Amino acid sequence: MADVTNRLFLRHLRGTPTVWVRFQKRGRAVKEGTGQSFWYRPLTAVLSEVPVDDRELPLMFHARTADFADVTVQATVTYRIADPALAAARLDFSVDPYGGQARARPLDQVATLLTELAQQPALDLLARVPLADALTVAITEVREAVAAALSDDARLGDVGVAVVSARVVAIRPEPEMERSLQTPTREAVQQDADKATYARRAQAVEQERAIAENELQNKIELARREQQLVEQKGANDRRRAELTAAAELASAQGEAEKARTLAAAQADRVREVGAAEADAEAARMAIYRDLPTGVLHALAMRDLAGQLPAIGQLTVTPDLLTGAIARLADGRQ
């Protein structure tokens, strides 16, 4: 909307680059175009504002397919007013000269016309295709049919409207039907997910089996090595016992040989000592054989005295002395 300012009994209008303005006075156009700025008297001025920028018109309408399924079509039409002078002549784009407010809603009329023109080819096309095709391949056909219908329609040219583009955003069935159509896809996706889960589980089981086999092989190898260790330890103990027994036998034999040697030496020594003593005794006896009897008695007494205990006191009685002297006298005789 243009900017209108008040100066006493005059008004000043300042337009924008996207708004086409026409100023008429007494049925004659005084000024027209985009980006206009002028003074005018509201009592005699007739003003029209026509937007010339591109505008987006969202459309949503219902249709029925060949298999009697209801679908909703979402589309967007981009248009602009290519001939604003013609549009201002055919539609009411007038504005209040005092405040600049629009007196009518001509763009609603343009939107209604575009909606009706876009719905008809879409309805005709969807009525000839089944639901599955309408949701897949028919989107492009609907878009092309709507664009062709809007570009070739003469009524849009009569009001100066040009269609820039037409886009079909989506064609959707009813929620229950959409869920039903999505069920096979969901089931297929779920089956693929289940297959992946089963494959992952099978792989996990295979890995666990491989791990268990590896652990079993490790235990078998450990048991075999433990058996070898026990056997080697037994052999070592047996060898150690044999070596110990051999060493003890050798030691015993050495001790026995030593004992025999010592015994033989002792026997030889005893024998030699005995022989020497026997020779000495024989020599003594030979000496004693030639001695007189009294000498022998004296020697015997001497030896006996050497064997008697020590005598601290000796008591000589007359009887003892008488007998000794008598024997002494006899001996002298």
Protein backbone atom coordinates (compact mmCIF):
# COMPACT_ATOMS: atom_id res chain seq x y z
CA MET A 1 0.00 0.00 0.00
CA ALA A 2 1.23 3.46 -0.89
CA ASP A 3 2.08 6.03 1.76
CA VAL A 4 -0.43 8.92 1.89
CA THR A 5 0.32 12.04 3.97
CA ASN A 6 -1.96 14.98 4.78
CA ARG A 7 -1.00 18.61 4.13
CA LEU A 8 -3.94 20.93 4.74
CA PHE A 9 -6.42 20.32 1.91
CA LEU A 10 -3.88 18.39 -0.18
CA ARG A 11 -2.62 14.80 -0.01
CA HIS A 12 0.74 13.41 -1.00
CA LEU A 13 1.14 9.84 -2.25
CA ARG A 14 4.48 8.03 -2.28
CA GLY A 15 4.45 4.66 -4.03
CA THR A 16 6.84 1.68 -3.97
CA PRO A 17 8.79 -0.04 -6.76
CA THR A 18 6.45 -3.07 -6.67
CA VAL A 19 3.15 -1.18 -6.79
CA TRP A 20 1.68 0.29 -10.00
CA VAL A 21 -0.34 3.47 -9.26
CA ARG A 22 -2.81 5.32 -11.49
CA PHE A 23 -4.03 8.84 -10.68
CA GLN A 24 -7.18 9.85 -12.59
CA LYS A 25 -8.88 13.19 -12.57
CA ARG A 26 -12.20 13.81 -14.31
CA GLY A 27 -11.90 10.43 -16.07
CA ARG A 28 -8.48 11.18 -17.46
CA ALA A 29 -5.26 9.56 -16.36
CA VAL A 30 -2.91 12.13 -14.92
CA LYS A 31 -0.14 9.84 -13.64
CA GLU A 32 0.43 6.08 -13.75
CA GLY A 33 3.34 3.72 -13.23
CA THR A 34 5.50 2.18 -10.50
CA GLY A 35 7.36 4.23 -7.95
CA GLN A 36 5.13 7.30 -8.45
CA SER A 37 5.07 10.25 -6.03
CA PHE A 38 2.69 13.22 -6.45
CA TRP A 39 0.32 15.67 -4.81
CA TYR A 40 -3.42 15.54 -5.38
CA ARG A 41 -6.72 16.82 -4.11
CA PRO A 42 -8.78 13.98 -2.61
CA LEU A 43 -12.08 15.52 -3.69
CA THR A 44 -11.29 15.17 -7.39
CA ALA A 45 -8.71 12.32 -7.46
CA VAL A 46 -9.36 8.67 -8.32
CA LEU A 47 -6.52 6.38 -7.26
CA SER A 48 -5.78 2.74 -8.16
CA GLU A 49 -2.98 0.56 -6.77
CA VAL A 50 -2.01 -2.68 -8.50
CA PRO A 51 0.79 -4.87 -7.03
CA VAL A 52 3.12 -6.09 -9.75
CA ASP A 53 5.42 -8.32 -7.67
CA ASP A 54 5.40 -12.14 -7.83
CA ARG A 55 2.93 -13.71 -5.44
CA GLU A 56 2.65 -17.24 -4.09
CA LEU A 57 -0.80 -18.79 -3.94
CA PRO A 58 -0.98 -22.04 -1.94
CA LEU A 59 -3.71 -24.40 -3.10
CA MET A 60 -5.25 -27.41 -1.38
CA PHE A 61 -8.18 -29.31 -2.78
CA HIS A 62 -9.64 -32.81 -2.72
CA ALA A 63 -9.90 -35.20 -5.65
CA ARG A 64 -10.99 -38.79 -6.30
CA THR A 65 -8.98 -41.39 -8.17
CA ALA A 66 -10.19 -44.06 -10.60
CA ASP A 67 -10.54 -46.58 -7.76
CA PHE A 68 -12.70 -44.12 -5.75
CA ALA A 69 -10.03 -43.18 -3.23
CA ASP A 70 -10.05 -39.65 -1.86
CA VAL A 71 -6.76 -37.75 -2.10
CA THR A 72 -5.65 -34.27 -1.13
CA VAL A 73 -3.63 -32.22 -3.60
CA GLN A 74 -1.25 -29.59 -2.30
CA ALA A 75 0.03 -27.16 -4.93
CA THR A 76 1.54 -23.71 -5.18
CA VAL A 77 0.96 -21.24 -8.03
CA THR A 78 3.27 -18.29 -8.58
CA TYR A 79 1.70 -15.41 -10.52
CA ARG A 80 1.99 -11.71 -11.10
CA ILE A 81 -0.09 -8.99 -12.71
CA ALA A 82 1.67 -8.47 -16.02
CA ASP A 83 -0.72 -5.77 -17.35
CA PRO A 84 -1.66 -3.57 -14.36
CA ALA A 85 -3.57 -1.10 -16.54
CA LEU A 86 -5.81 -3.89 -17.84
CA ALA A 87 -6.18 -5.33 -14.36
CA ALA A 88 -7.14 -1.92 -12.93
CA ALA A 89 -9.75 -1.60 -15.68
CA ARG A 90 -11.24 -5.09 -15.10
CA LEU A 91 -10.91 -5.41 -11.32
CA ASP A 92 -11.48 -2.96 -8.50
CA PHE A 93 -8.00 -1.89 -7.33
CA SER A 94 -9.20 1.54 -6.14
CA VAL A 95 -7.97 3.06 -2.89
CA ASP A 96 -9.35 5.72 -0.61
CA PRO A 97 -7.73 9.06 -1.60
CA TYR A 98 -7.92 10.32 1.97
CA GLY A 99 -6.17 7.45 3.81
CA GLY A 100 -4.84 5.17 1.08
CA GLN A 101 -6.82 2.06 2.17
CA ALA A 102 -7.99 -0.39 -0.46
CA ARG A 103 -11.74 -0.31 -1.04
CA ALA A 104 -12.03 -3.90 -2.31
CA ARG A 105 -10.11 -7.18 -2.33
CA PRO A 106 -9.34 -7.85 -5.98
CA LEU A 107 -6.50 -10.23 -5.21
CA ASP A 108 -9.01 -12.61 -3.61
CA GLN A 109 -10.85 -12.69 -6.91
CA VAL A 110 -7.60 -13.50 -8.70
CA ALA A 111 -6.83 -16.27 -6.15
CA THR A 112 -10.31 -17.76 -6.60
CA LEU A 113 -9.92 -17.74 -10.37
CA LEU A 114 -6.50 -19.38 -10.19
CA THR A 115 -7.75 -22.03 -7.74
CA GLU A 116 -10.67 -22.99 -9.98
CA LEU A 117 -8.50 -23.07 -13.08
CA ALA A 118 -5.87 -25.24 -11.35
CA GLN A 119 -8.34 -27.69 -9.82
CA GLN A 120 -10.11 -28.70 -13.01
CA PRO A 121 -7.22 -30.35 -14.92
CA ALA A 122 -5.96 -31.97 -11.71
CA LEU A 123 -9.40 -33.46 -10.97
CA ASP A 124 -9.78 -34.70 -14.55
CA LEU A 125 -6.35 -36.34 -14.54
CA LEU A 126 -6.65 -37.99 -11.10
CA ALA A 127 -10.09 -39.38 -11.98
CA ARG A 128 -8.46 -41.50 -14.70
CA VAL A 129 -5.62 -43.06 -12.66
CA PRO A 130 -5.67 -45.47 -9.71
CA LEU A 131 -4.51 -44.47 -6.27
CA ALA A 132 -1.08 -46.08 -6.49
CA ASP A 133 -0.28 -44.23 -9.72
CA ALA A 134 -1.73 -41.00 -8.37
CA LEU A 135 0.68 -41.12 -5.44
CA THR A 136 3.74 -41.93 -7.55
CA VAL A 137 3.86 -41.13 -11.25
CA ALA A 138 0.85 -38.81 -11.48
CA ILE A 139 2.46 -35.94 -9.56
CA THR A 140 4.50 -34.85 -12.58
CA GLU A 141 1.51 -35.21 -14.91
CA VAL A 142 -0.70 -33.18 -12.57
CA ARG A 143 1.91 -30.43 -12.38
CA GLU A 144 2.28 -30.27 -16.15
CA ALA A 145 -1.50 -30.30 -16.67
CA VAL A 146 -2.07 -27.49 -14.14
CA ALA A 147 0.75 -25.37 -15.63
CA ALA A 148 -0.57 -25.87 -19.15
CA ALA A 149 -4.14 -25.03 -18.14
CA LEU A 150 -3.12 -21.84 -16.35
CA SER A 151 -0.83 -20.61 -19.10
CA ASP A 152 -3.41 -21.17 -21.87
CA ASP A 153 -6.49 -19.82 -20.12
CA ALA A 154 -7.86 -16.65 -21.73
CA ARG A 155 -9.60 -15.41 -18.61
CA LEU A 156 -6.28 -14.77 -16.91
CA GLY A 157 -5.13 -12.75 -19.90
CA ASP A 158 -8.34 -10.74 -19.78
CA VAL A 159 -7.52 -9.51 -16.28
CA GLY A 160 -3.80 -9.04 -16.98
CA VAL A 161 -2.58 -11.96 -14.83
CA ALA A 162 0.41 -14.07 -15.91
CA VAL A 163 1.28 -17.41 -14.27
CA VAL A 164 4.99 -17.79 -13.56
CA SER A 165 5.01 -21.41 -12.37
CA ALA A 166 2.83 -24.12 -10.93
CA ARG A 167 4.14 -26.73 -8.49
CA VAL A 168 2.45 -29.77 -7.00
CA VAL A 169 3.84 -30.19 -3.52
CA ALA A 170 2.15 -33.46 -2.59
CA ILE A 171 -0.75 -35.80 -3.30
CA ARG A 172 -1.77 -37.57 -0.13
CA PRO A 173 -4.56 -40.05 0.58
CA GLU A 174 -6.65 -40.22 3.71
CA PRO A 175 -4.71 -41.09 6.89
CA GLU A 176 -6.19 -44.61 7.16
CA MET A 177 -5.49 -45.32 3.50
CA GLU A 178 -1.97 -43.89 3.81
CA ARG A 179 -1.22 -46.14 6.75
CA SER A 180 -2.59 -49.11 4.80
CA LEU A 181 -0.40 -48.26 1.83
CA GLN A 182 2.61 -47.85 4.08
CA THR A 183 2.06 -51.24 5.71
CA PRO A 184 3.82 -53.32 2.99
CA THR A 185 6.77 -50.94 3.05
CA ARG A 186 6.89 -51.05 6.83
CA GLU A 187 6.68 -54.84 6.74
CA ALA A 188 9.45 -55.04 4.14
CA VAL A 189 11.63 -52.68 6.15
CA GLN A 190 10.84 -54.67 9.31
CA GLN A 191 11.73 -57.90 7.51
CA ASP A 192 15.02 -56.39 6.38
CA ALA A 193 15.64 -55.23 9.94
CA ASP A 194 14.79 -58.71 11.24
CA LYS A 195 17.13 -60.25 8.68
CA ALA A 196 19.87 -57.90 9.77
CA THR A 197 19.14 -58.74 13.41
CA TYR A 198 19.18 -62.47 12.70
CA ALA A 199 22.36 -62.13 10.68
CA ARG A 200 23.95 -60.16 13.50
CA ARG A 201 22.83 -62.77 16.02
CA ALA A 202 24.10 -65.59 13.79
CA GLN A 203 27.40 -63.80 13.44
CA ALA A 204 27.54 -63.31 17.20
CA VAL A 205 26.78 -67.02 17.76
CA GLU A 206 29.46 -67.95 15.23
CA GLN A 207 31.92 -65.69 16.97
CA GLU A 208 30.99 -67.14 20.36
CA ARG A 209 31.42 -70.67 18.94
CA ALA A 210 34.83 -69.71 17.54
CA ILE A 211 35.78 -68.20 20.90
CA ALA A 212 34.57 -71.34 22.74
CA GLU A 213 36.52 -73.58 20.34
CA ASN A 214 39.58 -71.42 20.80
CA GLU A 215 39.22 -71.62 24.59
CA LEU A 216 38.76 -75.41 24.35
CA GLN A 217 41.85 -75.72 22.17
CA ASN A 218 43.75 -73.59 24.67
CA LYS A 219 42.61 -75.84 27.53
CA ILE A 220 43.59 -78.96 25.58
CA GLU A 221 46.98 -77.46 24.81
CA LEU A 222 47.43 -76.45 28.45
CA ALA A 223 46.44 -79.95 29.61
CA ARG A 224 48.87 -81.51 27.14
CA ARG A 225 51.65 -79.22 28.29
CA GLU A 226 50.75 -79.91 31.92
CA GLN A 227 50.96 -83.63 31.17
CA GLN A 228 54.35 -83.13 29.57
CA LEU A 229 55.38 -81.08 32.58
CA VAL A 230 54.25 -83.81 35.00
CA GLU A 231 55.99 -86.48 32.94
CA GLN A 232 59.13 -84.39 32.74
CA LYS A 233 58.95 -83.70 36.46
CA GLY A 234 58.54 -87.43 37.18
CA ALA A 235 61.45 -88.24 34.94
CA ASN A 236 63.49 -85.56 36.65
CA ASP A 237 62.55 -86.89 40.10
CA ARG A 238 63.34 -90.46 39.01
CA ARG A 239 66.66 -89.36 37.56
CA ARG A 240 67.39 -87.37 40.72
CA ALA A 241 66.54 -90.43 42.87
CA GLU A 242 68.74 -92.63 40.68
CA LEU A 243 71.60 -90.17 40.90
CA THR A 244 71.09 -89.84 44.67
CA ALA A 245 70.99 -93.62 45.09
CA ALA A 246 74.08 -94.01 42.95
CA ALA A 247 75.82 -91.30 44.95
CA GLU A 248 74.78 -92.92 48.25
CA LEU A 249 75.85 -96.35 46.94
CA ALA A 250 79.17 -94.95 45.89
CA SER A 251 79.48 -93.25 49.26
CA ALA A 252 78.54 -96.46 51.11
CA GLN A 253 80.96 -98.44 49.01
CA GLY A 254 83.66 -95.90 49.76
CA GLU A 255 82.84 -96.00 53.48
CA ALA A 256 82.86 -99.84 53.43
CA GLU A 257 86.11 -99.90 51.54
CA LYS A 258 87.51 -97.39 53.98
CA ALA A 259 86.23 -99.46 56.92
CA ARG A 260 87.72 -102.62 55.41
CA THR A 261 91.00 -100.87 54.83
CA LEU A 262 91.00 -99.50 58.39
CA ALA A 263 90.01 -102.91 59.78
CA ALA A 264 92.75 -104.61 57.81
CA ALA A 265 95.24 -102.04 58.99
CA GLN A 266 94.00 -102.39 62.57
CA ALA A 267 94.23 -106.17 62.33
CA ASP A 268 97.73 -105.94 60.92
CA ARG A 269 98.68 -103.55 63.68
CA VAL A 270 97.11 -105.75 66.35
CA ARG A 271 98.75 -108.77 64.84
CA GLU A 272 102.11 -107.10 64.71
CA VAL A 273 101.65 -105.74 68.26
CA GLY A 274 100.62 -109.23 69.43
CA ALA A 275 103.60 -110.78 67.69
CA ALA A 276 105.87 -108.20 69.24
CA GLU A 277 104.31 -108.74 72.67
CA ALA A 278 104.57 -112.50 72.20
CA ASP A 279 108.21 -112.17 71.26
CA ALA A 280 108.79 -109.88 74.24
CA GLU A 281 106.93 -112.27 76.52
CA ALA A 282 108.89 -115.20 75.12
CA ALA A 283 112.11 -113.29 75.77
CA ARG A 284 110.98 -112.49 79.30
CA MET A 285 109.99 -116.05 79.93
CA ALA A 286 113.34 -117.18 78.66
CA ILE A 287 114.95 -114.81 81.15
CA TYR A 288 112.64 -115.91 83.99
CA ARG A 289 113.38 -119.60 83.23
CA ASP A 290 117.00 -119.32 84.23
CA LEU A 291 116.37 -117.21 87.40
CA PRO A 292 116.22 -118.76 90.85
CA THR A 293 112.93 -119.22 92.62
CA GLY A 294 113.49 -116.54 95.20
CA VAL A 295 114.14 -113.96 92.53
CA LEU A 296 111.00 -114.96 90.80
CA HIS A 297 109.09 -114.55 94.06
CA ALA A 298 110.55 -111.13 94.55
CA LEU A 299 109.63 -110.10 91.06
CA ALA A 300 106.14 -111.44 91.59
CA MET A 301 105.84 -109.50 94.81
CA ARG A 302 107.05 -106.39 93.08
CA ASP A 303 104.46 -106.79 90.36
CA LEU A 304 101.84 -107.53 92.96
CA ALA A 305 102.81 -104.48 94.94
CA GLY A 306 102.46 -102.44 91.84
CA GLN A 307 98.93 -103.71 91.42
CA LEU A 308 97.86 -103.19 95.06
CA PRO A 309 96.15 -99.96 96.18
CA ALA A 310 98.12 -97.39 98.07
CA ILE A 311 98.67 -98.28 101.82
CA GLY A 312 98.48 -95.29 104.10
CA GLN A 313 99.21 -97.15 107.41
CA LEU A 314 100.68 -100.59 108.06
CA THR A 315 100.23 -102.32 111.38
CA VAL A 316 102.77 -105.05 112.10
CA THR A 317 101.75 -107.50 114.73
CA PRO A 318 104.09 -109.92 116.51
CA ASP A 319 102.42 -112.84 114.86
CA LEU A 320 102.97 -111.45 111.42
CA LEU A 321 106.53 -110.55 112.10
CA THR A 322 107.26 -114.00 113.66
CA GLY A 323 105.91 -115.81 110.65
CA ALA A 324 107.78 -113.60 108.17
CA ILE A 325 111.05 -114.01 109.98
CA ALA A 326 110.53 -117.78 110.14
CA ARG A 327 109.94 -117.96 106.43
CA LEU A 328 112.92 -115.72 105.79
CA ALA A 329 115.11 -117.97 107.84
CA ASP A 330 113.83 -120.97 106.01
CA GLY A 331 114.62 -119.32 102.84
CA ARG A 332 118.10 -118.63 103.74
CA GLN A 333 118.55 -122.25 104.67
